[in-house]
Amino acid sequence: MKQILSLLLLCTILTACNKLDLPKDTPECIEDKIKDISEEDVWSTPAIIYSYQFDGQTVYYFPSRCCDATSYVYSEDCYHLCSPGGGLSGDGDNLCPDFFDNATEATIIWEDDRD
């Protein structure tokens, strides 16, 4: 019986180590994207993910990884809405040129704190 309890405790601890500390209302598909980032090598500028209110909905902003890479804004169902910055021009894909002017309630939902 002690072996079973020890095994269950070990499984719980190992599973908890992989659990991200995200707001409870974070969509699973956004959590999956963050898990993918956390399994990569640390970015040159550590990753940070925000939620915003934009055009009447909660969206998730993933800043660019580096240099000329584009940033991404996703809806709650992980539909790629736009890339408001980055790329060769620095303007992203121009699908939401007003994002930074009109997005409100910026909240950091996750930061990569690995060294």
Protein backbone atom coordinates (compact mmCIF):
# COMPACT_ATOMS: atom_id res chain seq x y z
CA MET A 1 0.00 0.00 0.00
CA LYS A 2 2.84 2.41 0.83
CA GLN A 3 4.39 1.72 -2.58
CA ILE A 4 1.16 2.63 -4.34
CA LEU A 5 0.82 5.86 -2.37
CA SER A 6 4.46 6.71 -3.05
CA LEU A 7 3.96 6.08 -6.75
CA LEU A 8 0.83 8.25 -6.83
CA LEU A 9 2.66 11.05 -5.01
CA LEU A 10 5.56 10.85 -7.44
CA CYS A 11 3.21 10.99 -10.45
CA THR A 12 1.44 14.00 -8.96
CA ILE A 13 4.71 15.82 -8.38
CA LEU A 14 6.00 15.08 -11.87
CA THR A 15 2.75 16.19 -13.46
CA ALA A 16 2.67 19.40 -11.41
CA CYS A 17 6.13 20.33 -12.67
CA ASN A 18 4.79 20.48 -16.24
CA LYS A 19 1.75 22.54 -15.26
CA LEU A 20 1.85 26.17 -16.36
CA ASP A 21 0.73 28.88 -13.98
CA LEU A 22 -1.86 30.56 -16.22
CA PRO A 23 -5.12 32.37 -15.49
CA LYS A 24 -7.97 29.87 -15.16
CA ASP A 25 -9.81 31.29 -18.18
CA THR A 26 -6.87 30.79 -20.56
CA PRO A 27 -8.12 28.78 -23.55
CA GLU A 28 -6.58 25.34 -23.93
CA CYS A 29 -5.28 26.12 -27.41
CA ILE A 30 -3.41 29.19 -26.08
CA GLU A 31 -2.04 27.07 -23.23
CA ASP A 32 -0.82 24.55 -25.83
CA LYS A 33 1.03 27.30 -27.72
CA ILE A 34 2.67 28.44 -24.49
CA LYS A 35 3.64 24.85 -23.62
CA ASP A 36 5.29 24.56 -27.04
CA ILE A 37 7.32 27.72 -26.37
CA SER A 38 8.32 26.47 -22.91
CA GLU A 39 9.71 23.29 -24.47
CA GLU A 40 11.93 25.24 -26.89
CA ASP A 41 15.27 26.77 -26.02
CA VAL A 42 14.92 30.12 -24.27
CA TRP A 43 14.42 32.89 -26.83
CA SER A 44 17.04 35.64 -27.13
CA THR A 45 14.41 37.93 -25.62
CA PRO A 46 12.51 35.66 -23.19
CA ALA A 47 8.93 35.01 -24.28
CA ILE A 48 6.09 36.95 -22.68
CA ILE A 49 2.41 36.49 -23.57
CA TYR A 50 -0.35 39.07 -23.00
CA SER A 51 -4.12 39.07 -23.09
CA TYR A 52 -5.90 42.21 -24.33
CA GLN A 53 -9.39 43.38 -25.07
CA PHE A 54 -9.58 44.23 -28.76
CA ASP A 55 -12.60 44.70 -31.02
CA GLY A 56 -14.93 43.44 -28.29
CA GLN A 57 -13.11 40.21 -27.56
CA THR A 58 -10.26 38.80 -25.51
CA VAL A 59 -7.20 38.24 -27.67
CA TYR A 60 -3.73 36.89 -26.98
CA TYR A 61 -0.62 38.72 -28.11
CA PHE A 62 2.60 36.80 -28.75
CA PRO A 63 5.40 39.34 -29.35
CA SER A 64 7.98 38.50 -31.98
CA ARG A 65 10.71 36.11 -31.07
CA CYS A 66 13.53 38.06 -32.59
CA CYS A 67 14.70 40.50 -35.18
CA ASP A 68 12.48 40.56 -38.27
CA ALA A 69 10.02 37.92 -37.01
CA THR A 70 6.38 38.95 -36.80
CA SER A 71 4.28 39.10 -33.67
CA TYR A 72 0.92 37.31 -33.51
CA VAL A 73 -2.54 38.06 -32.16
CA TYR A 74 -4.85 35.09 -31.65
CA SER A 75 -8.54 34.91 -30.77
CA GLU A 76 -9.74 32.75 -27.87
CA ASP A 77 -10.12 29.82 -30.28
CA CYS A 78 -6.58 30.30 -31.60
CA TYR A 79 -7.62 31.83 -34.88
CA HIS A 80 -4.72 33.98 -36.10
CA LEU A 81 -6.22 37.46 -36.35
CA CYS A 82 -3.19 39.45 -37.38
CA SER A 83 0.47 40.27 -36.93
CA PRO A 84 0.61 43.84 -35.64
CA GLY A 85 4.37 44.22 -35.76
CA GLY A 86 7.63 42.80 -36.98
CA GLY A 87 8.60 41.45 -40.36
CA LEU A 88 10.89 43.23 -42.78
CA SER A 89 8.81 46.41 -42.76
CA GLY A 90 8.26 46.36 -39.01
CA ASP A 91 4.52 46.79 -39.60
CA GLY A 92 3.53 43.12 -39.51
CA ASP A 93 0.86 42.04 -41.97
CA ASN A 94 -1.19 45.30 -41.79
CA LEU A 95 -4.37 43.35 -40.90
CA CYS A 96 -4.69 45.25 -37.60
CA PRO A 97 -2.70 48.47 -37.94
CA ASP A 98 -4.72 49.93 -35.04
CA PHE A 99 -3.96 47.11 -32.60
CA PHE A 100 -1.61 49.02 -30.32
CA ASP A 101 -3.83 52.11 -30.42
CA ASN A 102 -7.06 50.26 -29.59
CA ALA A 103 -6.10 47.19 -27.56
CA THR A 104 -6.86 47.69 -23.87
CA GLU A 105 -6.50 45.89 -20.55
CA ALA A 106 -3.05 44.47 -21.24
CA THR A 107 -2.40 41.60 -18.85
CA ILE A 108 0.69 39.43 -18.76
CA ILE A 109 -0.55 35.85 -18.62
CA TRP A 110 2.83 34.11 -18.88
CA GLU A 111 6.54 34.94 -18.86
CA ASP A 112 9.35 32.57 -19.60
CA ASP A 113 11.45 32.90 -16.46
CA ARG A 114 14.03 30.30 -17.41
CA ASP A 115 17.63 31.47 -17.50
